[in-house]
PDB file of N, CA and C in Angstrom:
ATOM      1  N   MET A   1      66.337 103.878  63.319  1.00  0.00           N
ATOM      2  CA  MET A   1      67.283 104.251  64.316  1.00  0.00           C
ATOM      3  C   MET A   1      68.470 104.919  63.649  1.00  0.00           C
ATOM      4  N   ASN A   2      68.828 106.128  64.098  1.00  0.00           N
ATOM      5  CA  ASN A   2      69.979 106.731  63.385  1.00  0.00           C
ATOM      6  C   ASN A   2      71.297 106.238  64.026  1.00  0.00           C
ATOM      7  N   ARG A   3      72.326 106.707  63.374  1.00  0.00           N
ATOM      8  CA  ARG A   3      73.690 106.251  63.776  1.00  0.00           C
ATOM      9  C   ARG A   3      73.986 106.461  65.237  1.00  0.00           C
ATOM     10  N   ARG A   4      73.746 107.675  65.696  1.00  0.00           N
ATOM     11  CA  ARG A   4      74.013 107.986  67.094  1.00  0.00           C
ATOM     12  C   ARG A   4      73.184 107.233  68.071  1.00  0.00           C
ATOM     13  N   GLU A   5      72.013 106.862  67.740  1.00  0.00           N
ATOM     14  CA  GLU A   5      71.195 106.085  68.608  1.00  0.00           C
ATOM     15  C   GLU A   5      71.781 104.605  68.690  1.00  0.00           C
ATOM     16  N   ARG A   6      72.415 104.167  67.591  1.00  0.00           N
ATOM     17  CA  ARG A   6      73.051 102.830  67.606  1.00  0.00           C
ATOM     18  C   ARG A   6      74.319 102.901  68.443  1.00  0.00           C
ATOM     19  N   TRP A   7      74.936 103.970  68.535  1.00  0.00           N
ATOM     20  CA  TRP A   7      76.174 104.110  69.368  1.00  0.00           C
ATOM     21  C   TRP A   7      75.932 104.226  70.824  1.00  0.00           C
ATOM     22  N   GLN A   8      74.718 104.657  71.283  1.00  0.00           N
ATOM     23  CA  GLN A   8      74.417 104.940  72.636  1.00  0.00           C
ATOM     24  C   GLN A   8      74.674 103.648  73.595  1.00  0.00           C
ATOM     25  N   PRO A   9      74.257 102.460  73.205  1.00  0.00           N
ATOM     26  CA  PRO A   9      74.507 101.354  74.130  1.00  0.00           C
ATOM     27  C   PRO A   9      76.000 101.085  74.317  1.00  0.00           C
ATOM     28  N   VAL A  10      76.774 101.341  73.324  1.00  0.00           N
ATOM     29  CA  VAL A  10      78.293 101.209  73.490  1.00  0.00           C
ATOM     30  C   VAL A  10      78.731 102.292  74.453  1.00  0.00           C
ATOM     31  N   LEU A  11      78.361 103.514  74.309  1.00  0.00           N
ATOM     32  CA  LEU A  11      78.798 104.548  75.185  1.00  0.00           C
ATOM     33  C   LEU A  11      78.365 104.241  76.568  1.00  0.00           C
ATOM     34  N   ASP A  12      77.084 103.804  76.750  1.00  0.00           N
ATOM     35  CA  ASP A  12      76.575 103.460  78.105  1.00  0.00           C
ATOM     36  C   ASP A  12      77.414 102.407  78.784  1.00  0.00           C
ATOM     37  N   ALA A  13      77.704 101.356  78.047  1.00  0.00           N
ATOM     38  CA  ALA A  13      78.529 100.240  78.650  1.00  0.00           C
ATOM     39  C   ALA A  13      79.913 100.691  78.980  1.00  0.00           C
ATOM     40  N   GLU A  14      80.542 101.523  78.117  1.00  0.00           N
ATOM     41  CA  GLU A  14      81.864 102.054  78.458  1.00  0.00           C
ATOM     42  C   GLU A  14      81.863 102.957  79.621  1.00  0.00           C
ATOM     43  N   VAL A  15      80.880 103.819  79.754  1.00  0.00           N
ATOM     44  CA  VAL A  15      80.805 104.778  80.889  1.00  0.00           C
ATOM     45  C   VAL A  15      80.619 103.896  82.132  1.00  0.00           C
ATOM     46  N   HIS A  16      79.802 102.896  82.066  1.00  0.00           N
ATOM     47  CA  HIS A  16      79.589 102.104  83.255  1.00  0.00           C
ATOM     48  C   HIS A  16      80.853 101.337  83.643  1.00  0.00           C
ATOM     49  N   ARG A  17      81.583 100.856  82.703  1.00  0.00           N
ATOM     50  CA  ARG A  17      82.825 100.107  82.963  1.00  0.00           C
ATOM     51  C   ARG A  17      83.897 101.054  83.591  1.00  0.00           C
ATOM     52  N   TRP A  18      84.037 102.230  83.034  1.00  0.00           N
ATOM     53  CA  TRP A  18      85.022 103.192  83.552  1.00  0.00           C
ATOM     54  C   TRP A  18      84.638 103.783  84.905  1.00  0.00           C
ATOM     55  N   LYS A  19      83.325 104.036  85.103  1.00  0.00           N
ATOM     56  CA  LYS A  19      82.901 104.583  86.424  1.00  0.00           C
ATOM     57  C   LYS A  19      83.108 103.639  87.571  1.00  0.00           C
ATOM     58  N   ALA A  20      83.213 102.310  87.258  1.00  0.00           N
ATOM     59  CA  ALA A  20      83.357 101.281  88.278  1.00  0.00           C
ATOM     60  C   ALA A  20      84.782 101.231  88.811  1.00  0.00           C
ATOM     61  N   LYS A  21      85.647 101.954  88.163  1.00  0.00           N
ATOM     62  CA  LYS A  21      87.066 101.931  88.553  1.00  0.00           C
ATOM     63  C   LYS A  21      87.334 102.965  89.702  1.00  0.00           C
ATOM     64  N   SER A  22      88.318 102.669  90.487  1.00  0.00           N
ATOM     65  CA  SER A  22      88.711 103.547  91.572  1.00  0.00           C
ATOM     66  C   SER A  22      89.439 104.780  91.049  1.00  0.00           C
ATOM     67  N   TYR A  23      89.606 105.771  91.917  1.00  0.00           N
ATOM     68  CA  TYR A  23      90.333 106.940  91.497  1.00  0.00           C
ATOM     69  C   TYR A  23      91.763 106.572  91.039  1.00  0.00           C
ATOM     70  N   ASN A  24      92.403 105.733  91.899  1.00  0.00           N
ATOM     71  CA  ASN A  24      93.794 105.348  91.571  1.00  0.00           C
ATOM     72  C   ASN A  24      93.880 104.583  90.257  1.00  0.00           C
ATOM     73  N   GLN A  25      92.927 103.710  89.979  1.00  0.00           N
ATOM     74  CA  GLN A  25      92.944 102.951  88.682  1.00  0.00           C
ATOM     75  C   GLN A  25      92.777 103.973  87.522  1.00  0.00           C
ATOM     76  N   LEU A  26      91.854 104.872  87.671  1.00  0.00           N
ATOM     77  CA  LEU A  26      91.586 105.904  86.652  1.00  0.00           C
ATOM     78  C   LEU A  26      92.930 106.665  86.321  1.00  0.00           C
ATOM     79  N   VAL A  27      93.548 107.165  87.343  1.00  0.00           N
ATOM     80  CA  VAL A  27      94.754 107.910  87.174  1.00  0.00           C
ATOM     81  C   VAL A  27      95.832 107.119  86.501  1.00  0.00           C
ATOM     82  N   SER A  28      95.997 105.926  87.022  1.00  0.00           N
ATOM     83  CA  SER A  28      97.007 105.042  86.403  1.00  0.00           C
ATOM     84  C   SER A  28      96.710 104.664  84.958  1.00  0.00           C
ATOM     85  N   GLU A  29      95.522 104.222  84.642  1.00  0.00           N
ATOM     86  CA  GLU A  29      95.147 103.734  83.381  1.00  0.00           C
ATOM     87  C   GLU A  29      95.051 104.871  82.345  1.00  0.00           C
ATOM     88  N   LEU A  30      94.753 106.102  82.815  1.00  0.00           N
ATOM     89  CA  LEU A  30      94.620 107.231  81.969  1.00  0.00           C
ATOM     90  C   LEU A  30      95.766 108.200  81.899  1.00  0.00           C
ATOM     91  N   ALA A  31      96.923 107.652  82.259  1.00  0.00           N
ATOM     92  CA  ALA A  31      98.117 108.495  82.260  1.00  0.00           C
ATOM     93  C   ALA A  31      98.364 108.847  80.806  1.00  0.00           C
ATOM     94  N   GLU A  32      97.951 107.953  79.895  1.00  0.00           N
ATOM     95  CA  GLU A  32      97.920 108.164  78.406  1.00  0.00           C
ATOM     96  C   GLU A  32      96.506 107.883  78.030  1.00  0.00           C
ATOM     97  N   GLU A  33      96.087 108.681  76.981  1.00  0.00           N
ATOM     98  CA  GLU A  33      94.689 108.379  76.379  1.00  0.00           C
ATOM     99  C   GLU A  33      94.582 106.957  75.966  1.00  0.00           C
ATOM    100  N   GLN A  34      93.403 106.347  76.205  1.00  0.00           N
ATOM    101  CA  GLN A  34      93.155 105.020  75.813  1.00  0.00           C
ATOM    102  C   GLN A  34      92.305 105.060  74.554  1.00  0.00           C
ATOM    103  N   ALA A  35      92.654 104.316  73.548  1.00  0.00           N
ATOM    104  CA  ALA A  35      91.878 104.198  72.265  1.00  0.00           C
ATOM    105  C   ALA A  35      91.797 102.742  71.895  1.00  0.00           C
ATOM    106  N   TYR A  36      90.605 102.267  71.742  1.00  0.00           N
ATOM    107  CA  TYR A  36      90.477 100.828  71.438  1.00  0.00           C
ATOM    108  C   TYR A  36      89.158 100.666  70.740  1.00  0.00           C
ATOM    109  N   GLU A  37      89.001  99.400  70.211  1.00  0.00           N
ATOM    110  CA  GLU A  37      87.800  99.073  69.482  1.00  0.00           C
ATOM    111  C   GLU A  37      86.897  97.951  70.229  1.00  0.00           C
ATOM    112  N   VAL A  38      85.619  98.207  70.244  1.00  0.00           N
ATOM    113  CA  VAL A  38      84.708  97.204  70.859  1.00  0.00           C
ATOM    114  C   VAL A  38      83.753  96.734  69.731  1.00  0.00           C
ATOM    115  N   GLU A  39      83.173  95.577  69.958  1.00  0.00           N
ATOM    116  CA  GLU A  39      82.171  95.098  68.962  1.00  0.00           C
ATOM    117  C   GLU A  39      80.836  94.881  69.701  1.00  0.00           C
ATOM    118  N   LEU A  40      79.788  95.222  68.980  1.00  0.00           N
ATOM    119  CA  LEU A  40      78.471  94.996  69.543  1.00  0.00           C
ATOM    120  C   LEU A  40      77.557  94.629  68.322  1.00  0.00           C
ATOM    121  N   GLU A  41      76.953  93.476  68.447  1.00  0.00           N
ATOM    122  CA  GLU A  41      76.075  93.007  67.428  1.00  0.00           C
ATOM    123  C   GLU A  41      76.724  92.989  66.075  1.00  0.00           C
ATOM    124  N   GLY A  42      77.913  92.529  66.056  1.00  0.00           N
ATOM    125  CA  GLY A  42      78.654  92.355  64.832  1.00  0.00           C
ATOM    126  C   GLY A  42      79.220  93.613  64.169  1.00  0.00           C
ATOM    127  N   LYS A  43      79.095  94.683  64.872  1.00  0.00           N
ATOM    128  CA  LYS A  43      79.614  96.041  64.361  1.00  0.00           C
ATOM    129  C   LYS A  43      80.690  96.563  65.224  1.00  0.00           C
ATOM    130  N   ALA A  44      81.756  97.091  64.654  1.00  0.00           N
ATOM    131  CA  ALA A  44      82.860  97.644  65.415  1.00  0.00           C
ATOM    132  C   ALA A  44      82.725  99.124  65.691  1.00  0.00           C
ATOM    133  N   TYR A  45      83.066  99.549  66.902  1.00  0.00           N
ATOM    134  CA  TYR A  45      83.065 100.921  67.311  1.00  0.00           C
ATOM    135  C   TYR A  45      84.368 101.278  67.947  1.00  0.00           C
ATOM    136  N   GLN A  46      84.751 102.581  67.706  1.00  0.00           N
ATOM    137  CA  GLN A  46      85.962 103.121  68.160  1.00  0.00           C
ATOM    138  C   GLN A  46      85.645 103.804  69.564  1.00  0.00           C
ATOM    139  N   VAL A  47      86.459 103.557  70.523  1.00  0.00           N
ATOM    140  CA  VAL A  47      86.235 104.209  71.882  1.00  0.00           C
ATOM    141  C   VAL A  47      87.590 104.904  72.227  1.00  0.00           C
ATOM    142  N   GLU A  48      87.397 106.108  72.736  1.00  0.00           N
ATOM    143  CA  GLU A  48      88.499 106.842  73.221  1.00  0.00           C
ATOM    144  C   GLU A  48      88.155 107.318  74.646  1.00  0.00           C
ATOM    145  N   VAL A  49      89.164 107.189  75.552  1.00  0.00           N
ATOM    146  CA  VAL A  49      88.913 107.592  76.983  1.00  0.00           C
ATOM    147  C   VAL A  49      90.114 108.540  77.377  1.00  0.00           C
ATOM    148  N   GLN A  50      89.749 109.592  77.891  1.00  0.00           N
ATOM    149  CA  GLN A  50      90.751 110.700  78.236  1.00  0.00           C
ATOM    150  C   GLN A  50      90.558 111.159  79.624  1.00  0.00           C
ATOM    151  N   LEU A  51      91.621 111.521  80.277  1.00  0.00           N
ATOM    152  CA  LEU A  51      91.609 112.253  81.515  1.00  0.00           C
ATOM    153  C   LEU A  51      91.522 113.755  81.133  1.00  0.00           C
ATOM    154  N   LEU A  52      90.380 114.334  81.318  1.00  0.00           N
ATOM    155  CA  LEU A  52      90.170 115.715  80.883  1.00  0.00           C
ATOM    156  C   LEU A  52      90.746 116.728  81.872  1.00  0.00           C
ATOM    157  N   GLU A  53      90.610 116.389  83.109  1.00  0.00           N
ATOM    158  CA  GLU A  53      91.089 117.214  84.303  1.00  0.00           C
ATOM    159  C   GLU A  53      91.643 116.375  85.358  1.00  0.00           C
ATOM    160  N   ASP A  54      92.703 116.750  86.007  1.00  0.00           N
ATOM    161  CA  ASP A  54      93.220 116.134  87.142  1.00  0.00           C
ATOM    162  C   ASP A  54      93.558 117.194  88.144  1.00  0.00           C
ATOM    163  N   THR A  55      92.609 117.417  89.096  1.00  0.00           N
ATOM    164  CA  THR A  55      92.803 118.529  90.032  1.00  0.00           C
ATOM    165  C   THR A  55      93.101 117.893  91.441  1.00  0.00           C
ATOM    166  N   ASP A  56      93.320 118.759  92.404  1.00  0.00           N
ATOM    167  CA  ASP A  56      93.595 118.251  93.775  1.00  0.00           C
ATOM    168  C   ASP A  56      92.376 117.687  94.386  1.00  0.00           C
ATOM    169  N   ARG A  57      91.174 117.795  93.832  1.00  0.00           N
ATOM    170  CA  ARG A  57      89.984 117.264  94.423  1.00  0.00           C
ATOM    171  C   ARG A  57      89.324 116.140  93.599  1.00  0.00           C
ATOM    172  N   TYR A  58      89.560 116.105  92.311  1.00  0.00           N
ATOM    173  CA  TYR A  58      88.887 115.090  91.512  1.00  0.00           C
ATOM    174  C   TYR A  58      89.597 114.911  90.163  1.00  0.00           C
ATOM    175  N   VAL A  59      89.196 113.850  89.420  1.00  0.00           N
ATOM    176  CA  VAL A  59      89.592 113.673  88.069  1.00  0.00           C
ATOM    177  C   VAL A  59      88.321 113.717  87.232  1.00  0.00           C
ATOM    178  N   HIS A  60      88.423 114.273  86.043  1.00  0.00           N
ATOM    179  CA  HIS A  60      87.317 114.424  85.118  1.00  0.00           C
ATOM    180  C   HIS A  60      87.634 113.526  83.942  1.00  0.00           C
ATOM    181  N   VAL A  61      86.818 112.514  83.630  1.00  0.00           N
ATOM    182  CA  VAL A  61      87.069 111.513  82.589  1.00  0.00           C
ATOM    183  C   VAL A  61      86.103 111.742  81.415  1.00  0.00           C
ATOM    184  N   GLY A  62      86.601 111.747  80.212  1.00  0.00           N
ATOM    185  CA  GLY A  62      85.754 111.826  79.028  1.00  0.00           C
ATOM    186  C   GLY A  62      85.804 110.551  78.206  1.00  0.00           C
ATOM    187  N   ILE A  63      84.607 110.070  77.754  1.00  0.00           N
ATOM    188  CA  ILE A  63      84.582 108.896  76.948  1.00  0.00           C
ATOM    189  C   ILE A  63      83.868 109.282  75.650  1.00  0.00           C
ATOM    190  N   PHE A  64      84.418 108.798  74.506  1.00  0.00           N
ATOM    191  CA  PHE A  64      83.937 109.194  73.194  1.00  0.00           C
ATOM    192  C   PHE A  64      83.781 107.960  72.306  1.00  0.00           C
ATOM    193  N   VAL A  65      82.621 107.864  71.587  1.00  0.00           N
ATOM    194  CA  VAL A  65      82.418 106.679  70.770  1.00  0.00           C
ATOM    195  C   VAL A  65      82.022 107.106  69.384  1.00  0.00           C
ATOM    196  N   ASP A  66      82.542 106.416  68.341  1.00  0.00           N
ATOM    197  CA  ASP A  66      82.058 106.610  66.997  1.00  0.00           C
ATOM    198  C   ASP A  66      82.245 105.299  66.282  1.00  0.00           C
ATOM    199  N   ASN A  67      81.918 105.270  64.986  1.00  0.00           N
ATOM    200  CA  ASN A  67      81.988 104.064  64.231  1.00  0.00           C
ATOM    201  C   ASN A  67      83.249 103.932  63.422  1.00  0.00           C
ATOM    202  N   GLY A  68      84.167 104.895  63.590  1.00  0.00           N
ATOM    203  CA  GLY A  68      85.473 104.782  62.962  1.00  0.00           C
ATOM    204  C   GLY A  68      85.544 105.390  61.532  1.00  0.00           C
ATOM    205  N   SER A  69      84.430 105.845  61.041  1.00  0.00           N
ATOM    206  CA  SER A  69      84.431 106.482  59.761  1.00  0.00           C
ATOM    207  C   SER A  69      84.906 107.936  59.892  1.00  0.00           C
ATOM    208  N   ILE A  70      85.507 108.470  58.897  1.00  0.00           N
ATOM    209  CA  ILE A  70      85.993 109.887  58.956  1.00  0.00           C
ATOM    210  C   ILE A  70      84.942 110.860  59.257  1.00  0.00           C
ATOM    211  N   PRO A  71      83.810 110.947  58.559  1.00  0.00           N
ATOM    212  CA  PRO A  71      82.893 112.011  58.987  1.00  0.00           C
ATOM    213  C   PRO A  71      82.320 111.852  60.381  1.00  0.00           C
ATOM    214  N   ALA A  72      82.139 110.595  60.829  1.00  0.00           N
ATOM    215  CA  ALA A  72      81.546 110.375  62.187  1.00  0.00           C
ATOM    216  C   ALA A  72      82.586 110.655  63.225  1.00  0.00           C
ATOM    217  N   SER A  73      83.834 110.425  62.970  1.00  0.00           N
ATOM    218  CA  SER A  73      84.868 110.597  64.007  1.00  0.00           C
ATOM    219  C   SER A  73      85.081 112.106  64.385  1.00  0.00           C
ATOM    220  N   PHE A  74      84.526 113.030  63.492  1.00  0.00           N
ATOM    221  CA  PHE A  74      84.610 114.495  63.764  1.00  0.00           C
ATOM    222  C   PHE A  74      83.626 114.859  64.864  1.00  0.00           C
ATOM    223  N   ARG A  75      82.649 114.096  65.071  1.00  0.00           N
ATOM    224  CA  ARG A  75      81.597 114.393  66.086  1.00  0.00           C
ATOM    225  C   ARG A  75      81.115 113.105  66.739  1.00  0.00           C
ATOM    226  N   PRO A  76      82.037 112.584  67.709  1.00  0.00           N
ATOM    227  CA  PRO A  76      81.688 111.397  68.361  1.00  0.00           C
ATOM    228  C   PRO A  76      80.559 111.624  69.384  1.00  0.00           C
ATOM    229  N   LEU A  77      79.954 110.544  69.796  1.00  0.00           N
ATOM    230  CA  LEU A  77      79.045 110.581  70.890  1.00  0.00           C
ATOM    231  C   LEU A  77      79.878 110.544  72.116  1.00  0.00           C
ATOM    232  N   SER A  78      79.557 111.416  73.162  1.00  0.00           N
ATOM    233  CA  SER A  78      80.433 111.487  74.318  1.00  0.00           C
ATOM    234  C   SER A  78      79.656 111.736  75.611  1.00  0.00           C
ATOM    235  N   GLU A  79      80.375 111.340  76.692  1.00  0.00           N
ATOM    236  CA  GLU A  79      79.842 111.596  78.048  1.00  0.00           C
ATOM    237  C   GLU A  79      81.117 111.767  78.940  1.00  0.00           C
ATOM    238  N   SER A  80      80.924 112.450  80.038  1.00  0.00           N
ATOM    239  CA  SER A  80      82.014 112.587  80.969  1.00  0.00           C
ATOM    240  C   SER A  80      81.483 112.425  82.393  1.00  0.00           C
ATOM    241  N   PHE A  81      82.407 112.115  83.243  1.00  0.00           N
ATOM    242  CA  PHE A  81      82.065 112.005  84.705  1.00  0.00           C
ATOM    243  C   PHE A  81      83.236 112.403  85.495  1.00  0.00           C
ATOM    244  N   ILE A  82      82.901 112.691  86.817  1.00  0.00           N
ATOM    245  CA  ILE A  82      83.957 113.133  87.801  1.00  0.00           C
ATOM    246  C   ILE A  82      84.036 112.072  88.822  1.00  0.00           C
ATOM    247  N   CYS A  83      85.280 111.785  89.187  1.00  0.00           N
ATOM    248  CA  CYS A  83      85.534 110.869  90.255  1.00  0.00           C
ATOM    249  C   CYS A  83      86.403 111.614  91.300  1.00  0.00           C
ATOM    250  N   ASP A  84      85.873 111.680  92.525  1.00  0.00           N
ATOM    251  CA  ASP A  84      86.488 112.411  93.602  1.00  0.00           C
ATOM    252  C   ASP A  84      87.794 111.682  94.091  1.00  0.00           C
ATOM    253  N   ARG A  85      88.789 112.537  94.422  1.00  0.00           N
ATOM    254  CA  ARG A  85      89.989 111.984  95.015  1.00  0.00           C
ATOM    255  C   ARG A  85      89.703 111.536  96.406  1.00  0.00           C
ATOM    256  N   PRO A  86      90.296 110.369  96.797  1.00  0.00           N
ATOM    257  CA  PRO A  86      90.005 109.933  98.146  1.00  0.00           C
ATOM    258  C   PRO A  86      90.591 110.839  99.168  1.00  0.00           C
ATOM    259  N   GLN A  87      89.890 111.042 100.271  1.00  0.00           N
ATOM    260  CA  GLN A  87      90.366 111.862 101.363  1.00  0.00           C
ATOM    261  C   GLN A  87      91.397 111.143 102.172  1.00  0.00           C
ATOM    262  N   SER A  88      92.578 111.824 102.534  1.00  0.00           N
ATOM    263  CA  SER A  88      93.548 111.158 103.402  1.00  0.00           C
ATOM    264  C   SER A  88      93.242 111.203 104.828  1.00  0.00           C
TER     265      SER A  88
END
């Protein structure tokens, strides 16, 4: 199993966690980029979550995972999703 395949479960879990949040939670929590460390099976992973776009219709969220090493951090594993703004 290569490095990126080992990162995939971490990315999947973080995407699931962030997708479960409401639009208002996302906007509030991502007013500034979030960067933190998670551990899986005794290994540490770096996670960054950013608000990529904030439009009048939706927010676009990006999630990036790597193992914290310099070469790996230049090309993290990533995924993004869109959360629609609630209609008034």
